[in-house]
Amino acid sequence: MSQLSSTTIRRRVLFSGRVQGVGFRYTTYHLAESYQVTGYVKNLQDGRVEAVLEGERAEVEKFFQAIGQEMRSNIDDATHQDSPATGEHDRFEIRYH
């Protein structure tokens, strides 16, 4: 993402519930292919999944909602915080540590 606009955001999301060992990261990764977002998804040691999403605000929101819809039976809670985009990511990926 080379050019950041004023409507480009970074959203850090922490998903809790039965979100590890159920294909959550892979589902999120494949959903990302349908949206113009960058960032990553990874498992945390405490059993939650962290996702960092960057892109235009509307696109990030649609992607966030799609994750919630697709994985709704596994998610007990999803807390998020928005901040200005950093532009550090050039794609969406699964991180392993």
N, C-alpha and C. Protein backbone atom coordinates (compact mmCIF):
# COMPACT_ATOMS: atom_id res chain seq x y z
N MET A 1 0.86 -1.17 0.00
CA MET A 1 0.00 0.00 0.00
C MET A 1 0.90 1.22 0.00
N SER A 2 1.12 1.83 -1.11
CA SER A 2 2.10 2.89 -1.21
C SER A 2 1.55 4.25 -0.81
N GLN A 3 0.33 4.56 -1.15
CA GLN A 3 -0.24 5.87 -0.88
C GLN A 3 -1.36 5.72 0.15
N LEU A 4 -1.19 6.38 1.30
CA LEU A 4 -2.21 6.33 2.34
C LEU A 4 -3.08 7.56 2.24
N SER A 5 -4.39 7.35 2.31
CA SER A 5 -5.31 8.49 2.28
C SER A 5 -5.86 8.71 3.68
N SER A 6 -6.59 9.79 3.85
CA SER A 6 -7.15 10.10 5.17
C SER A 6 -8.22 9.11 5.58
N THR A 7 -8.71 8.32 4.65
CA THR A 7 -9.73 7.33 5.00
C THR A 7 -9.13 5.92 5.15
N THR A 8 -7.81 5.84 5.12
CA THR A 8 -7.13 4.56 5.30
C THR A 8 -6.88 4.34 6.79
N ILE A 9 -7.29 3.18 7.28
CA ILE A 9 -7.15 2.90 8.71
C ILE A 9 -6.42 1.59 8.96
N ARG A 10 -6.05 1.42 10.21
CA ARG A 10 -5.49 0.16 10.72
C ARG A 10 -6.45 -0.27 11.83
N ARG A 11 -6.93 -1.50 11.75
CA ARG A 11 -7.81 -2.04 12.78
C ARG A 11 -7.15 -3.28 13.37
N ARG A 12 -6.90 -3.23 14.66
CA ARG A 12 -6.39 -4.40 15.39
C ARG A 12 -7.57 -5.06 16.07
N VAL A 13 -7.77 -6.34 15.79
CA VAL A 13 -8.91 -7.08 16.32
C VAL A 13 -8.41 -8.26 17.13
N LEU A 14 -9.02 -8.48 18.28
CA LEU A 14 -8.75 -9.66 19.09
C LEU A 14 -10.03 -10.48 19.15
N PHE A 15 -9.97 -11.67 18.57
CA PHE A 15 -11.10 -12.58 18.56
C PHE A 15 -10.93 -13.60 19.67
N SER A 16 -11.99 -13.85 20.43
CA SER A 16 -11.94 -14.89 21.44
C SER A 16 -13.11 -15.85 21.25
N GLY A 17 -12.97 -17.01 21.83
CA GLY A 17 -13.96 -18.08 21.67
C GLY A 17 -13.22 -19.34 21.27
N ARG A 18 -13.86 -20.15 20.45
CA ARG A 18 -13.20 -21.35 19.91
C ARG A 18 -12.61 -20.96 18.55
N VAL A 19 -11.51 -20.22 18.62
CA VAL A 19 -10.94 -19.61 17.41
C VAL A 19 -9.60 -20.20 17.00
N GLN A 20 -9.08 -21.13 17.78
CA GLN A 20 -7.84 -21.80 17.38
C GLN A 20 -8.15 -23.27 17.12
N GLY A 21 -7.49 -23.82 16.11
CA GLY A 21 -7.68 -25.22 15.77
C GLY A 21 -8.95 -25.49 14.97
N VAL A 22 -9.55 -24.43 14.42
CA VAL A 22 -10.80 -24.59 13.66
C VAL A 22 -10.71 -23.97 12.26
N GLY A 23 -9.50 -23.63 11.83
CA GLY A 23 -9.32 -23.04 10.50
C GLY A 23 -9.60 -21.55 10.44
N PHE A 24 -9.59 -20.89 11.59
CA PHE A 24 -9.92 -19.46 11.65
C PHE A 24 -8.94 -18.63 10.82
N ARG A 25 -7.64 -18.88 11.00
CA ARG A 25 -6.63 -18.09 10.25
C ARG A 25 -6.74 -18.32 8.75
N TYR A 26 -6.94 -19.57 8.35
CA TYR A 26 -7.02 -19.88 6.92
C TYR A 26 -8.28 -19.29 6.30
N THR A 27 -9.39 -19.35 7.03
CA THR A 27 -10.63 -18.76 6.54
C THR A 27 -10.46 -17.26 6.37
N THR A 28 -9.86 -16.61 7.37
CA THR A 28 -9.63 -15.16 7.31
C THR A 28 -8.72 -14.81 6.15
N TYR A 29 -7.67 -15.58 5.97
CA TYR A 29 -6.73 -15.36 4.87
C TYR A 29 -7.44 -15.45 3.52
N HIS A 30 -8.26 -16.46 3.34
CA HIS A 30 -8.96 -16.62 2.06
C HIS A 30 -10.05 -15.58 1.87
N LEU A 31 -10.70 -15.15 2.93
CA LEU A 31 -11.67 -14.05 2.82
C LEU A 31 -10.98 -12.77 2.37
N ALA A 32 -9.75 -12.57 2.83
CA ALA A 32 -9.01 -11.34 2.50
C ALA A 32 -8.82 -11.18 0.99
N GLU A 33 -8.81 -12.29 0.26
CA GLU A 33 -8.63 -12.21 -1.19
C GLU A 33 -9.76 -11.44 -1.87
N SER A 34 -10.92 -11.33 -1.22
CA SER A 34 -12.06 -10.63 -1.79
C SER A 34 -12.11 -9.15 -1.41
N TYR A 35 -11.14 -8.70 -0.63
CA TYR A 35 -11.15 -7.31 -0.15
C TYR A 35 -9.79 -6.68 -0.40
N GLN A 36 -9.80 -5.38 -0.55
CA GLN A 36 -8.54 -4.65 -0.75
C GLN A 36 -8.01 -4.24 0.61
N VAL A 37 -7.41 -5.22 1.28
CA VAL A 37 -6.85 -5.01 2.61
C VAL A 37 -5.48 -5.65 2.69
N THR A 38 -4.69 -5.17 3.62
CA THR A 38 -3.40 -5.77 3.92
C THR A 38 -3.37 -6.03 5.43
N GLY A 39 -2.34 -6.74 5.88
CA GLY A 39 -2.20 -7.01 7.30
C GLY A 39 -1.90 -8.46 7.55
N TYR A 40 -2.38 -8.96 8.69
CA TYR A 40 -2.10 -10.36 9.05
C TYR A 40 -3.12 -10.88 10.04
N VAL A 41 -3.08 -12.19 10.21
CA VAL A 41 -3.86 -12.88 11.23
C VAL A 41 -2.92 -13.89 11.89
N LYS A 42 -3.01 -14.01 13.23
CA LYS A 42 -2.13 -14.97 13.92
C LYS A 42 -2.77 -15.42 15.23
N ASN A 43 -2.38 -16.62 15.65
CA ASN A 43 -2.80 -17.14 16.94
C ASN A 43 -1.98 -16.49 18.04
N LEU A 44 -2.62 -16.25 19.18
CA LEU A 44 -1.92 -15.75 20.36
C LEU A 44 -1.80 -16.89 21.38
N GLN A 45 -0.83 -16.80 22.24
CA GLN A 45 -0.60 -17.86 23.23
C GLN A 45 -1.75 -18.01 24.21
N ASP A 46 -2.54 -16.96 24.40
CA ASP A 46 -3.64 -17.03 25.37
C ASP A 46 -4.92 -17.63 24.79
N GLY A 47 -4.86 -18.13 23.54
CA GLY A 47 -6.02 -18.78 22.92
C GLY A 47 -6.84 -17.89 22.02
N ARG A 48 -6.52 -16.60 21.99
CA ARG A 48 -7.23 -15.68 21.09
C ARG A 48 -6.52 -15.65 19.74
N VAL A 49 -7.18 -15.00 18.77
CA VAL A 49 -6.59 -14.75 17.46
C VAL A 49 -6.53 -13.24 17.28
N GLU A 50 -5.38 -12.75 16.82
CA GLU A 50 -5.20 -11.34 16.51
C GLU A 50 -5.23 -11.15 15.01
N ALA A 51 -5.94 -10.13 14.57
CA ALA A 51 -5.91 -9.74 13.16
C ALA A 51 -5.62 -8.26 13.09
N VAL A 52 -4.74 -7.89 12.17
CA VAL A 52 -4.47 -6.49 11.88
C VAL A 52 -4.88 -6.27 10.43
N LEU A 53 -5.82 -5.35 10.24
CA LEU A 53 -6.39 -5.07 8.92
C LEU A 53 -6.07 -3.63 8.56
N GLU A 54 -5.56 -3.41 7.36
CA GLU A 54 -5.32 -2.05 6.88
C GLU A 54 -5.94 -1.88 5.51
N GLY A 55 -6.53 -0.72 5.30
CA GLY A 55 -7.14 -0.39 4.02
C GLY A 55 -8.10 0.78 4.19
N GLU A 56 -8.85 1.04 3.15
CA GLU A 56 -9.87 2.08 3.24
C GLU A 56 -10.88 1.68 4.30
N ARG A 57 -11.35 2.65 5.08
CA ARG A 57 -12.24 2.37 6.21
C ARG A 57 -13.42 1.48 5.81
N ALA A 58 -14.08 1.78 4.72
CA ALA A 58 -15.25 0.99 4.29
C ALA A 58 -14.86 -0.45 3.95
N GLU A 59 -13.71 -0.63 3.35
CA GLU A 59 -13.25 -1.96 2.97
C GLU A 59 -12.87 -2.78 4.21
N VAL A 60 -12.19 -2.15 5.15
CA VAL A 60 -11.83 -2.80 6.41
C VAL A 60 -13.10 -3.22 7.14
N GLU A 61 -14.08 -2.34 7.19
CA GLU A 61 -15.34 -2.65 7.88
C GLU A 61 -16.06 -3.83 7.22
N LYS A 62 -16.10 -3.85 5.90
CA LYS A 62 -16.75 -4.97 5.19
C LYS A 62 -16.01 -6.28 5.46
N PHE A 63 -14.70 -6.25 5.45
CA PHE A 63 -13.90 -7.44 5.72
C PHE A 63 -14.11 -7.91 7.16
N PHE A 64 -14.08 -7.00 8.11
CA PHE A 64 -14.31 -7.31 9.52
C PHE A 64 -15.67 -7.98 9.70
N GLN A 65 -16.69 -7.45 9.06
CA GLN A 65 -18.04 -8.03 9.15
C GLN A 65 -18.08 -9.42 8.50
N ALA A 66 -17.36 -9.59 7.39
CA ALA A 66 -17.34 -10.89 6.71
C ALA A 66 -16.69 -11.96 7.60
N ILE A 67 -15.64 -11.60 8.30
CA ILE A 67 -15.00 -12.55 9.23
C ILE A 67 -16.01 -12.93 10.31
N GLY A 68 -16.67 -11.94 10.87
CA GLY A 68 -17.65 -12.19 11.92
C GLY A 68 -18.79 -13.07 11.45
N GLN A 69 -19.21 -12.87 10.23
CA GLN A 69 -20.31 -13.67 9.67
C GLN A 69 -19.85 -15.10 9.38
N GLU A 70 -18.71 -15.24 8.75
CA GLU A 70 -18.20 -16.56 8.35
C GLU A 70 -17.85 -17.42 9.56
N MET A 71 -17.30 -16.80 10.59
CA MET A 71 -16.81 -17.56 11.76
C MET A 71 -17.69 -17.34 12.99
N ARG A 72 -18.92 -16.90 12.81
CA ARG A 72 -19.80 -16.54 13.92
C ARG A 72 -20.00 -17.65 14.95
N SER A 73 -20.00 -18.90 14.52
CA SER A 73 -20.22 -19.98 15.47
C SER A 73 -19.00 -20.22 16.37
N ASN A 74 -17.86 -19.63 16.02
CA ASN A 74 -16.63 -19.81 16.80
C ASN A 74 -16.27 -18.59 17.65
N ILE A 75 -16.81 -17.44 17.31
CA ILE A 75 -16.42 -16.20 17.98
C ILE A 75 -17.37 -15.91 19.14
N ASP A 76 -16.80 -15.77 20.33
CA ASP A 76 -17.57 -15.32 21.50
C ASP A 76 -17.50 -13.80 21.63
N ASP A 77 -16.35 -13.23 21.26
CA ASP A 77 -16.15 -11.79 21.40
C ASP A 77 -15.10 -11.33 20.40
N ALA A 78 -15.27 -10.12 19.92
CA ALA A 78 -14.28 -9.50 19.02
C ALA A 78 -14.15 -8.04 19.43
N THR A 79 -13.01 -7.70 19.99
CA THR A 79 -12.76 -6.32 20.36
C THR A 79 -11.79 -5.72 19.35
N HIS A 80 -12.02 -4.47 19.02
CA HIS A 80 -11.12 -3.86 18.05
C HIS A 80 -10.82 -2.41 18.40
N GLN A 81 -9.69 -1.97 17.87
CA GLN A 81 -9.25 -0.60 18.04
C GLN A 81 -8.74 -0.10 16.69
N ASP A 82 -9.22 1.05 16.28
CA ASP A 82 -8.79 1.66 15.02
C ASP A 82 -7.73 2.73 15.30
N SER A 83 -6.80 2.86 14.37
CA SER A 83 -5.77 3.87 14.43
C SER A 83 -5.37 4.23 13.00
N PRO A 84 -4.54 5.24 12.83
CA PRO A 84 -4.10 5.56 11.47
C PRO A 84 -3.31 4.39 10.87
N ALA A 85 -3.48 4.18 9.60
CA ALA A 85 -2.75 3.12 8.90
C ALA A 85 -1.26 3.42 8.90
N THR A 86 -0.47 2.36 8.93
CA THR A 86 0.98 2.52 8.90
C THR A 86 1.55 2.30 7.50
N GLY A 87 0.85 1.53 6.67
CA GLY A 87 1.34 1.23 5.34
C GLY A 87 2.47 0.22 5.33
N GLU A 88 2.71 -0.45 6.47
CA GLU A 88 3.84 -1.38 6.56
C GLU A 88 3.60 -2.70 5.86
N HIS A 89 2.37 -3.04 5.57
CA HIS A 89 2.05 -4.33 4.95
C HIS A 89 1.79 -4.15 3.45
N ASP A 90 2.26 -5.12 2.66
CA ASP A 90 1.98 -5.04 1.22
C ASP A 90 1.02 -6.13 0.77
N ARG A 91 0.58 -6.97 1.72
CA ARG A 91 -0.38 -8.03 1.41
C ARG A 91 -1.00 -8.48 2.73
N PHE A 92 -1.94 -9.42 2.65
CA PHE A 92 -2.52 -10.02 3.85
C PHE A 92 -1.91 -11.40 4.00
N GLU A 93 -1.47 -11.74 5.23
CA GLU A 93 -0.78 -13.00 5.42
C GLU A 93 -1.15 -13.65 6.76
N ILE A 94 -0.81 -14.91 6.86
CA ILE A 94 -0.90 -15.63 8.12
C ILE A 94 0.47 -15.55 8.76
N ARG A 95 0.50 -15.14 10.03
CA ARG A 95 1.76 -15.13 10.77
C ARG A 95 1.75 -16.29 11.76
N TYR A 96 2.90 -16.84 11.97
CA TYR A 96 3.02 -18.00 12.85
C TYR A 96 3.72 -17.71 14.17
N HIS A 97 4.21 -16.51 14.36
CA HIS A 97 4.78 -16.09 15.65
C HIS A 97 4.87 -14.61 15.73
